[in-house]
Amino acid sequence: MEQEHSSQRQNRTKTHFRQALIDLIKEIGYHHVTVKDIVDRAAYNRSTFYIHYKDKMDLADDLLSTMLEGLEQSVGKPFVQGQKVYTTHLKNSSIHIVSYIYVNRDFFR
């Protein structure tokens, strides 16, 4: 039970760091964002950041992976490089991807 609680806390912390990075990229651009900016925005300390990530790039990789995994799950199949999707061919089940993008619109804007 305690390990489950710890895992939920870790996921929540990572979510806060990912959201902070998204917000800061939009405000000042990726190259200007520092770890200090991220921890200040997420309201954590640097040691907490370094428990989860080795640096800003590690967080950015986690953010991108998380978003791509979410897209794959919402579609139900992996993305194929070069594949084109036309809205006229979308089925009712494809609304999941639109919903996922809407829920995560801060990342996709």
C-alpha atoms as a PDB file:
ATOM      1  CA  MET A   1       0.000   0.000   0.000  1.00  0.00           C
ATOM      2  CA  GLU A   2       2.777   2.443   0.894  1.00  0.00           C
ATOM      3  CA  GLN A   3       4.633   1.703  -2.348  1.00  0.00           C
ATOM      4  CA  GLU A   4       1.444   2.455  -4.308  1.00  0.00           C
ATOM      5  CA  HIS A   5       1.087   5.780  -2.477  1.00  0.00           C
ATOM      6  CA  SER A   6       4.748   6.571  -3.144  1.00  0.00           C
ATOM      7  CA  SER A   7       4.294   5.762  -6.836  1.00  0.00           C
ATOM      8  CA  GLN A   8       1.246   8.040  -7.047  1.00  0.00           C
ATOM      9  CA  ARG A   9       3.223  10.822  -5.378  1.00  0.00           C
ATOM     10  CA  GLN A  10       6.117  10.332  -7.815  1.00  0.00           C
ATOM     11  CA  ASN A  11       3.729  10.443 -10.775  1.00  0.00           C
ATOM     12  CA  ARG A  12       2.122  13.613  -9.429  1.00  0.00           C
ATOM     13  CA  THR A  13       5.527  15.233  -8.908  1.00  0.00           C
ATOM     14  CA  LYS A  14       6.619  14.337 -12.439  1.00  0.00           C
ATOM     15  CA  THR A  15       3.349  15.702 -13.797  1.00  0.00           C
ATOM     16  CA  HIS A  16       4.044  19.015 -12.042  1.00  0.00           C
ATOM     17  CA  PHE A  17       7.555  19.170 -13.498  1.00  0.00           C
ATOM     18  CA  ARG A  18       6.290  18.361 -17.005  1.00  0.00           C
ATOM     19  CA  GLN A  19       3.592  21.047 -16.792  1.00  0.00           C
ATOM     20  CA  ALA A  20       6.120  23.583 -15.501  1.00  0.00           C
ATOM     21  CA  LEU A  21       8.362  22.837 -18.475  1.00  0.00           C
ATOM     22  CA  ILE A  22       5.482  23.239 -20.930  1.00  0.00           C
ATOM     23  CA  ASP A  23       4.509  26.589 -19.411  1.00  0.00           C
ATOM     24  CA  LEU A  24       8.080  27.879 -19.347  1.00  0.00           C
ATOM     25  CA  ILE A  25       8.813  26.832 -22.929  1.00  0.00           C
ATOM     26  CA  LYS A  26       5.795  28.817 -24.045  1.00  0.00           C
ATOM     27  CA  GLU A  27       6.841  31.846 -22.018  1.00  0.00           C
ATOM     28  CA  ILE A  28      10.592  32.048 -22.566  1.00  0.00           C
ATOM     29  CA  GLY A  29      11.584  29.256 -24.964  1.00  0.00           C
ATOM     30  CA  TYR A  30      13.257  25.923 -24.256  1.00  0.00           C
ATOM     31  CA  HIS A  31      16.843  27.154 -24.436  1.00  0.00           C
ATOM     32  CA  HIS A  32      16.240  29.850 -21.823  1.00  0.00           C
ATOM     33  CA  VAL A  33      14.576  27.508 -19.306  1.00  0.00           C
ATOM     34  CA  THR A  34      16.780  26.436 -16.388  1.00  0.00           C
ATOM     35  CA  VAL A  35      16.279  23.746 -13.768  1.00  0.00           C
ATOM     36  CA  LYS A  36      15.852  26.565 -11.248  1.00  0.00           C
ATOM     37  CA  ASP A  37      13.004  27.987 -13.364  1.00  0.00           C
ATOM     38  CA  ILE A  38      11.356  24.557 -13.490  1.00  0.00           C
ATOM     39  CA  VAL A  39      11.553  23.866  -9.756  1.00  0.00           C
ATOM     40  CA  ASP A  40      10.383  27.386  -8.920  1.00  0.00           C
ATOM     41  CA  ARG A  41       7.381  27.064 -11.250  1.00  0.00           C
ATOM     42  CA  ALA A  42       6.519  23.573 -10.007  1.00  0.00           C
ATOM     43  CA  ALA A  43       7.039  24.635  -6.359  1.00  0.00           C
ATOM     44  CA  TYR A  44       9.566  21.909  -5.538  1.00  0.00           C
ATOM     45  CA  ASN A  45      13.217  22.070  -4.564  1.00  0.00           C
ATOM     46  CA  ARG A  46      16.177  21.144  -6.759  1.00  0.00           C
ATOM     47  CA  SER A  47      16.913  17.939  -4.854  1.00  0.00           C
ATOM     48  CA  THR A  48      13.398  16.680  -5.651  1.00  0.00           C
ATOM     49  CA  PHE A  49      13.969  17.467  -9.315  1.00  0.00           C
ATOM     50  CA  TYR A  50      17.232  15.504  -9.339  1.00  0.00           C
ATOM     51  CA  ILE A  51      15.566  12.504  -7.699  1.00  0.00           C
ATOM     52  CA  HIS A  52      13.440  12.199 -10.839  1.00  0.00           C
ATOM     53  CA  TYR A  53      15.596  13.658 -13.620  1.00  0.00           C
ATOM     54  CA  LYS A  54      19.294  14.085 -14.309  1.00  0.00           C
ATOM     55  CA  ASP A  55      18.810  17.404 -16.143  1.00  0.00           C
ATOM     56  CA  LYS A  56      16.405  19.527 -18.191  1.00  0.00           C
ATOM     57  CA  MET A  57      16.916  17.331 -21.269  1.00  0.00           C
ATOM     58  CA  ASP A  58      15.926  14.237 -19.287  1.00  0.00           C
ATOM     59  CA  LEU A  59      12.690  15.989 -18.268  1.00  0.00           C
ATOM     60  CA  ALA A  60      12.076  17.080 -21.876  1.00  0.00           C
ATOM     61  CA  ASP A  61      12.585  13.482 -23.060  1.00  0.00           C
ATOM     62  CA  ASP A  62      10.125  12.272 -20.406  1.00  0.00           C
ATOM     63  CA  LEU A  63       7.593  14.903 -21.470  1.00  0.00           C
ATOM     64  CA  LEU A  64       7.832  13.956 -25.132  1.00  0.00           C
ATOM     65  CA  SER A  65       7.648  10.220 -24.378  1.00  0.00           C
ATOM     66  CA  THR A  66       4.639  10.733 -22.124  1.00  0.00           C
ATOM     67  CA  MET A  67       2.790  12.729 -24.779  1.00  0.00           C
ATOM     68  CA  LEU A  68       3.581  10.239 -27.556  1.00  0.00           C
ATOM     69  CA  GLU A  69       2.534   7.277 -25.400  1.00  0.00           C
ATOM     70  CA  GLY A  70      -0.714   9.043 -24.612  1.00  0.00           C
ATOM     71  CA  LEU A  71      -1.351   9.660 -28.288  1.00  0.00           C
ATOM     72  CA  GLU A  72      -0.650   6.022 -29.125  1.00  0.00           C
ATOM     73  CA  GLN A  73      -3.006   4.834 -26.399  1.00  0.00           C
ATOM     74  CA  SER A  74      -5.731   7.215 -27.506  1.00  0.00           C
ATOM     75  CA  VAL A  75      -5.526   5.913 -31.059  1.00  0.00           C
ATOM     76  CA  GLY A  76      -5.103   2.320 -30.025  1.00  0.00           C
ATOM     77  CA  LYS A  77      -2.167   1.622 -32.317  1.00  0.00           C
ATOM     78  CA  PRO A  78       1.373   2.940 -32.724  1.00  0.00           C
ATOM     79  CA  PHE A  79       2.136   5.843 -35.011  1.00  0.00           C
ATOM     80  CA  VAL A  80       3.725   4.855 -38.314  1.00  0.00           C
ATOM     81  CA  GLN A  81       6.243   7.383 -39.627  1.00  0.00           C
ATOM     82  CA  GLY A  82       4.993   8.995 -42.838  1.00  0.00           C
ATOM     83  CA  GLN A  83       1.417   7.799 -42.371  1.00  0.00           C
ATOM     84  CA  LYS A  84      -1.227  10.332 -43.412  1.00  0.00           C
ATOM     85  CA  VAL A  85      -4.571  10.574 -41.655  1.00  0.00           C
ATOM     86  CA  TYR A  86      -7.485  12.316 -43.321  1.00  0.00           C
ATOM     87  CA  THR A  87     -10.334  13.606 -41.192  1.00  0.00           C
ATOM     88  CA  THR A  88     -12.900  12.274 -43.653  1.00  0.00           C
ATOM     89  CA  HIS A  89     -11.709   8.745 -42.827  1.00  0.00           C
ATOM     90  CA  LEU A  90     -11.908   9.092 -39.038  1.00  0.00           C
ATOM     91  CA  LYS A  91     -14.209   6.704 -37.246  1.00  0.00           C
ATOM     92  CA  ASN A  92     -16.169   7.436 -34.083  1.00  0.00           C
ATOM     93  CA  SER A  93     -13.445   5.746 -32.032  1.00  0.00           C
ATOM     94  CA  SER A  94     -10.945   8.310 -33.320  1.00  0.00           C
ATOM     95  CA  ILE A  95     -12.540  10.911 -31.072  1.00  0.00           C
ATOM     96  CA  HIS A  96     -10.218   9.576 -28.335  1.00  0.00           C
ATOM     97  CA  ILE A  97      -7.204  11.155 -30.001  1.00  0.00           C
ATOM     98  CA  VAL A  98      -8.995  14.473 -30.345  1.00  0.00           C
ATOM     99  CA  SER A  99     -10.020  14.269 -26.703  1.00  0.00           C
ATOM    100  CA  TYR A 100      -6.453  13.446 -25.629  1.00  0.00           C
ATOM    101  CA  ILE A 101      -5.073  16.401 -27.556  1.00  0.00           C
ATOM    102  CA  TYR A 102      -7.715  18.663 -26.029  1.00  0.00           C
ATOM    103  CA  VAL A 103      -6.973  17.515 -22.469  1.00  0.00           C
ATOM    104  CA  ASN A 104      -3.247  18.058 -23.120  1.00  0.00           C
ATOM    105  CA  ARG A 105      -3.698  21.194 -25.194  1.00  0.00           C
ATOM    106  CA  ASP A 106      -1.028  23.058 -23.225  1.00  0.00           C
ATOM    107  CA  PHE A 107       1.546  20.711 -24.731  1.00  0.00           C
ATOM    108  CA  PHE A 108       0.145  20.692 -28.264  1.00  0.00           C
ATOM    109  CA  ARG A 109      -0.334  24.440 -28.698  1.00  0.00           C
END
